[in-house]
Amino acid sequence: MELSLAEIRNFMLNNGCKVTNHALVKHFKEILTNPETQSEARKQFKTYVNILATIRTEDKRDGSNEKEKYLILKSKYLHECPSEDSLSLASGMTPLSPARSISSD
């Protein structure tokens, strides 16, 4: 697994296009907590989530009266994913995998 727009989008699609931030972070935990890539991965993750999703506060699914924030996949990404190449060029980022570390030249 790598941290990419496509991977995040696929996770959201597979979970009804609506997930909690906790569930999304838990799914990508291995990448987001890898000491070699952690800082860059977290920045990239936040950027990707902001591109793909909006935040909506709704009642918790457990039936309580409490509210919970959900990440909702934007409708324009239901059938297609933004190009990694165009985002990489615009932001200078490349997809990360736990096996690939960021070199500091």
N, C-alpha and C. Protein backbone atom coordinates (compact mmCIF):
# COMPACT_ATOMS: atom_id res chain seq x y z
N MET A 1 0.85 -1.18 0.00
CA MET A 1 0.00 0.00 0.00
C MET A 1 0.89 1.23 0.00
N GLU A 2 0.44 2.26 -0.71
CA GLU A 2 1.15 3.53 -0.70
C GLU A 2 0.16 4.64 -0.34
N LEU A 3 0.70 5.75 0.04
CA LEU A 3 -0.13 6.91 0.34
C LEU A 3 -0.30 7.69 -0.95
N SER A 4 -1.49 7.64 -1.51
CA SER A 4 -1.77 8.32 -2.77
C SER A 4 -3.23 8.74 -2.80
N LEU A 5 -3.54 9.63 -3.72
CA LEU A 5 -4.94 10.04 -3.90
C LEU A 5 -5.80 8.82 -4.23
N ALA A 6 -5.30 7.96 -5.09
CA ALA A 6 -6.08 6.79 -5.50
C ALA A 6 -6.35 5.86 -4.32
N GLU A 7 -5.36 5.63 -3.47
CA GLU A 7 -5.55 4.74 -2.32
C GLU A 7 -6.56 5.32 -1.33
N ILE A 8 -6.46 6.62 -1.05
CA ILE A 8 -7.40 7.26 -0.13
C ILE A 8 -8.80 7.24 -0.73
N ARG A 9 -8.91 7.57 -2.02
CA ARG A 9 -10.20 7.56 -2.71
C ARG A 9 -10.81 6.16 -2.68
N ASN A 10 -10.01 5.14 -2.97
CA ASN A 10 -10.52 3.77 -2.96
C ASN A 10 -11.01 3.36 -1.58
N PHE A 11 -10.28 3.75 -0.54
CA PHE A 11 -10.72 3.43 0.82
C PHE A 11 -12.07 4.09 1.09
N MET A 12 -12.21 5.34 0.69
CA MET A 12 -13.47 6.04 0.92
C MET A 12 -14.61 5.40 0.11
N LEU A 13 -14.34 5.06 -1.14
CA LEU A 13 -15.36 4.41 -1.97
C LEU A 13 -15.79 3.07 -1.37
N ASN A 14 -14.83 2.31 -0.88
CA ASN A 14 -15.12 1.01 -0.28
C ASN A 14 -15.86 1.11 1.05
N ASN A 15 -15.91 2.31 1.62
CA ASN A 15 -16.59 2.53 2.90
C ASN A 15 -17.77 3.48 2.74
N GLY A 16 -18.41 3.43 1.60
CA GLY A 16 -19.62 4.21 1.38
C GLY A 16 -19.40 5.69 1.18
N CYS A 17 -18.19 6.08 0.80
CA CYS A 17 -17.83 7.48 0.52
C CYS A 17 -17.92 8.37 1.75
N LYS A 18 -18.00 7.77 2.93
CA LYS A 18 -18.16 8.52 4.17
C LYS A 18 -17.41 7.79 5.28
N VAL A 19 -16.35 8.42 5.80
CA VAL A 19 -15.52 7.79 6.83
C VAL A 19 -15.17 8.82 7.89
N THR A 20 -14.85 8.33 9.07
CA THR A 20 -14.32 9.23 10.09
C THR A 20 -12.83 9.41 9.83
N ASN A 21 -12.29 10.51 10.30
CA ASN A 21 -10.85 10.74 10.16
C ASN A 21 -10.10 9.62 10.88
N HIS A 22 -10.62 9.20 12.02
CA HIS A 22 -9.98 8.12 12.79
C HIS A 22 -9.85 6.85 11.95
N ALA A 23 -10.91 6.48 11.25
CA ALA A 23 -10.88 5.27 10.42
C ALA A 23 -9.88 5.40 9.29
N LEU A 24 -9.82 6.57 8.68
CA LEU A 24 -8.90 6.80 7.58
C LEU A 24 -7.45 6.77 8.06
N VAL A 25 -7.18 7.43 9.17
CA VAL A 25 -5.82 7.43 9.74
C VAL A 25 -5.43 6.02 10.16
N LYS A 26 -6.34 5.29 10.75
CA LYS A 26 -6.05 3.92 11.19
C LYS A 26 -5.67 3.04 10.00
N HIS A 27 -6.37 3.22 8.88
CA HIS A 27 -6.09 2.42 7.69
C HIS A 27 -4.68 2.69 7.15
N PHE A 28 -4.24 3.94 7.22
CA PHE A 28 -2.93 4.33 6.69
C PHE A 28 -1.87 4.48 7.79
N LYS A 29 -2.14 3.89 8.95
CA LYS A 29 -1.28 4.05 10.13
C LYS A 29 0.17 3.66 9.85
N GLU A 30 0.39 2.57 9.15
CA GLU A 30 1.75 2.10 8.89
C GLU A 30 2.58 3.16 8.17
N ILE A 31 1.99 3.83 7.22
CA ILE A 31 2.69 4.87 6.46
C ILE A 31 2.84 6.13 7.30
N LEU A 32 1.77 6.51 8.00
CA LEU A 32 1.77 7.77 8.74
C LEU A 32 2.64 7.74 9.99
N THR A 33 3.00 6.56 10.46
CA THR A 33 3.83 6.47 11.67
C THR A 33 5.25 5.97 11.39
N ASN A 34 5.58 5.73 10.13
CA ASN A 34 6.94 5.30 9.77
C ASN A 34 7.90 6.45 10.06
N PRO A 35 8.87 6.26 10.96
CA PRO A 35 9.78 7.36 11.33
C PRO A 35 10.54 7.97 10.16
N GLU A 36 10.80 7.18 9.12
CA GLU A 36 11.56 7.68 7.98
C GLU A 36 10.75 8.62 7.09
N THR A 37 9.43 8.46 7.09
CA THR A 37 8.59 9.25 6.18
C THR A 37 7.48 10.01 6.89
N GLN A 38 7.43 9.93 8.21
CA GLN A 38 6.29 10.43 8.98
C GLN A 38 5.94 11.89 8.70
N SER A 39 6.90 12.77 8.76
CA SER A 39 6.61 14.20 8.61
C SER A 39 6.03 14.50 7.23
N GLU A 40 6.69 14.03 6.19
CA GLU A 40 6.22 14.28 4.83
C GLU A 40 4.91 13.55 4.57
N ALA A 41 4.78 12.34 5.07
CA ALA A 41 3.56 11.57 4.86
C ALA A 41 2.34 12.26 5.47
N ARG A 42 2.50 12.81 6.65
CA ARG A 42 1.38 13.50 7.30
C ARG A 42 0.95 14.73 6.52
N LYS A 43 1.93 15.49 6.01
CA LYS A 43 1.60 16.66 5.19
C LYS A 43 0.87 16.23 3.93
N GLN A 44 1.39 15.20 3.29
CA GLN A 44 0.80 14.69 2.06
C GLN A 44 -0.61 14.15 2.31
N PHE A 45 -0.78 13.42 3.40
CA PHE A 45 -2.08 12.86 3.76
C PHE A 45 -3.11 13.98 3.91
N LYS A 46 -2.74 15.02 4.64
CA LYS A 46 -3.65 16.14 4.86
C LYS A 46 -4.02 16.81 3.54
N THR A 47 -3.04 17.02 2.68
CA THR A 47 -3.29 17.62 1.37
C THR A 47 -4.25 16.76 0.56
N TYR A 48 -3.99 15.47 0.51
CA TYR A 48 -4.83 14.56 -0.27
C TYR A 48 -6.26 14.52 0.27
N VAL A 49 -6.41 14.45 1.58
CA VAL A 49 -7.75 14.41 2.17
C VAL A 49 -8.49 15.71 1.87
N ASN A 50 -7.80 16.84 1.96
CA ASN A 50 -8.44 18.12 1.66
C ASN A 50 -8.87 18.22 0.21
N ILE A 51 -8.13 17.59 -0.69
CA ILE A 51 -8.50 17.58 -2.11
C ILE A 51 -9.73 16.70 -2.34
N LEU A 52 -9.75 15.54 -1.73
CA LEU A 52 -10.78 14.53 -2.01
C LEU A 52 -12.08 14.67 -1.23
N ALA A 53 -12.04 15.28 -0.06
CA ALA A 53 -13.20 15.20 0.83
C ALA A 53 -13.60 16.53 1.43
N THR A 54 -14.84 16.57 1.87
CA THR A 54 -15.34 17.68 2.67
C THR A 54 -15.69 17.12 4.04
N ILE A 55 -15.77 18.00 5.03
CA ILE A 55 -16.11 17.57 6.39
C ILE A 55 -17.57 17.89 6.66
N ARG A 56 -18.27 16.92 7.22
CA ARG A 56 -19.67 17.12 7.59
C ARG A 56 -19.87 16.58 9.00
N THR A 57 -20.52 17.36 9.84
CA THR A 57 -20.83 16.91 11.20
C THR A 57 -22.23 16.30 11.20
N GLU A 58 -22.31 15.07 11.68
CA GLU A 58 -23.58 14.34 11.72
C GLU A 58 -23.72 13.62 13.04
N ASP A 59 -24.91 13.09 13.28
CA ASP A 59 -25.11 12.26 14.46
C ASP A 59 -24.22 11.03 14.36
N LYS A 60 -23.73 10.59 15.51
CA LYS A 60 -22.93 9.36 15.54
C LYS A 60 -23.77 8.19 15.08
N ARG A 61 -23.11 7.21 14.48
CA ARG A 61 -23.81 6.03 13.97
C ARG A 61 -24.30 5.10 15.07
N ASP A 62 -23.84 5.33 16.31
CA ASP A 62 -24.22 4.43 17.41
C ASP A 62 -25.58 4.77 18.02
N GLY A 63 -26.26 5.78 17.48
CA GLY A 63 -27.59 6.12 17.97
C GLY A 63 -27.61 7.09 19.14
N SER A 64 -26.44 7.47 19.63
CA SER A 64 -26.39 8.44 20.73
C SER A 64 -26.72 9.83 20.18
N ASN A 65 -26.88 10.77 21.07
CA ASN A 65 -27.17 12.14 20.66
C ASN A 65 -25.91 12.93 20.33
N GLU A 66 -24.76 12.28 20.36
CA GLU A 66 -23.49 12.96 20.11
C GLU A 66 -23.28 13.17 18.61
N LYS A 67 -22.47 14.16 18.29
CA LYS A 67 -22.13 14.47 16.90
C LYS A 67 -20.73 13.95 16.60
N GLU A 68 -20.50 13.65 15.34
CA GLU A 68 -19.19 13.19 14.90
C GLU A 68 -18.89 13.79 13.53
N LYS A 69 -17.61 14.08 13.30
CA LYS A 69 -17.21 14.63 12.00
C LYS A 69 -16.89 13.49 11.05
N TYR A 70 -17.44 13.60 9.84
CA TYR A 70 -17.19 12.61 8.80
C TYR A 70 -16.52 13.28 7.61
N LEU A 71 -15.64 12.54 6.96
CA LEU A 71 -15.05 12.97 5.70
C LEU A 71 -15.92 12.38 4.60
N ILE A 72 -16.44 13.24 3.74
CA ILE A 72 -17.33 12.82 2.67
C ILE A 72 -16.61 13.01 1.34
N LEU A 73 -16.51 11.95 0.54
CA LEU A 73 -15.86 12.04 -0.76
C LEU A 73 -16.62 13.04 -1.63
N LYS A 74 -15.90 13.98 -2.22
CA LYS A 74 -16.52 14.97 -3.09
C LYS A 74 -17.11 14.27 -4.31
N SER A 75 -18.29 14.72 -4.73
CA SER A 75 -19.01 14.05 -5.82
C SER A 75 -18.21 14.02 -7.12
N LYS A 76 -17.38 15.01 -7.36
CA LYS A 76 -16.61 15.01 -8.61
C LYS A 76 -15.57 13.90 -8.66
N TYR A 77 -15.29 13.27 -7.51
CA TYR A 77 -14.32 12.17 -7.47
C TYR A 77 -14.98 10.80 -7.31
N LEU A 78 -16.30 10.73 -7.45
CA LEU A 78 -16.98 9.45 -7.35
C LEU A 78 -16.60 8.52 -8.50
N HIS A 79 -16.39 9.09 -9.69
CA HIS A 79 -16.13 8.27 -10.87
C HIS A 79 -14.73 8.42 -11.43
N GLU A 80 -13.98 9.39 -10.94
CA GLU A 80 -12.60 9.55 -11.40
C GLU A 80 -11.76 10.17 -10.31
N CYS A 81 -10.48 9.85 -10.37
CA CYS A 81 -9.53 10.34 -9.38
C CYS A 81 -8.67 11.42 -10.03
N PRO A 82 -8.33 12.47 -9.30
CA PRO A 82 -7.41 13.46 -9.87
C PRO A 82 -6.08 12.79 -10.21
N SER A 83 -5.43 13.28 -11.23
CA SER A 83 -4.16 12.71 -11.67
C SER A 83 -3.06 12.96 -10.66
N GLU A 84 -2.34 11.90 -10.29
CA GLU A 84 -1.18 12.04 -9.39
C GLU A 84 -0.11 12.91 -10.03
N ASP A 85 0.07 12.74 -11.35
CA ASP A 85 1.11 13.50 -12.04
C ASP A 85 0.86 15.00 -11.96
N SER A 86 -0.37 15.41 -12.20
CA SER A 86 -0.66 16.84 -12.16
C SER A 86 -0.51 17.39 -10.75
N LEU A 87 -0.89 16.61 -9.74
CA LEU A 87 -0.73 17.06 -8.36
C LEU A 87 0.73 17.08 -7.95
N SER A 88 1.49 16.09 -8.39
CA SER A 88 2.91 16.04 -8.05
C SER A 88 3.64 17.24 -8.64
N LEU A 89 3.31 17.58 -9.87
CA LEU A 89 3.95 18.72 -10.51
C LEU A 89 3.57 20.03 -9.81
N ALA A 90 2.31 20.13 -9.43
CA ALA A 90 1.82 21.36 -8.80
C ALA A 90 2.36 21.55 -7.40
N SER A 91 2.54 20.44 -6.68
CA SER A 91 2.92 20.57 -5.27
C SER A 91 4.32 20.06 -4.95
N GLY A 92 4.96 19.40 -5.90
CA GLY A 92 6.29 18.86 -5.65
C GLY A 92 6.28 17.60 -4.81
N MET A 93 5.12 16.94 -4.68
CA MET A 93 5.01 15.73 -3.86
C MET A 93 4.96 14.50 -4.74
N THR A 94 5.41 13.38 -4.21
CA THR A 94 5.29 12.09 -4.87
C THR A 94 4.65 11.11 -3.90
N PRO A 95 3.95 10.09 -4.42
CA PRO A 95 3.32 9.11 -3.52
C PRO A 95 4.36 8.44 -2.63
N LEU A 96 3.98 8.12 -1.41
CA LEU A 96 4.88 7.48 -0.45
C LEU A 96 4.42 6.07 -0.15
N SER A 97 5.37 5.18 0.01
CA SER A 97 5.09 3.85 0.52
C SER A 97 6.00 3.65 1.72
N PRO A 98 5.65 2.74 2.64
CA PRO A 98 6.48 2.57 3.84
C PRO A 98 7.91 2.14 3.51
N ALA A 99 8.10 1.47 2.38
CA ALA A 99 9.43 0.98 2.04
C ALA A 99 10.31 2.06 1.42
N ARG A 100 9.70 3.17 1.01
CA ARG A 100 10.46 4.21 0.34
C ARG A 100 10.64 5.39 1.28
N SER A 101 11.87 5.74 1.54
CA SER A 101 12.12 6.87 2.43
C SER A 101 12.42 8.10 1.60
N ILE A 102 12.29 9.24 2.23
CA ILE A 102 12.54 10.51 1.58
C ILE A 102 14.00 10.87 1.80
N SER A 103 14.71 11.11 0.72
CA SER A 103 16.11 11.50 0.87
C SER A 103 16.20 12.99 1.09
N SER A 104 17.16 13.40 1.89
CA SER A 104 17.33 14.83 2.16
C SER A 104 18.64 15.27 1.53
N ASP A 105 18.55 15.64 0.25
CA ASP A 105 19.74 16.08 -0.49
C ASP A 105 19.99 17.54 -0.28
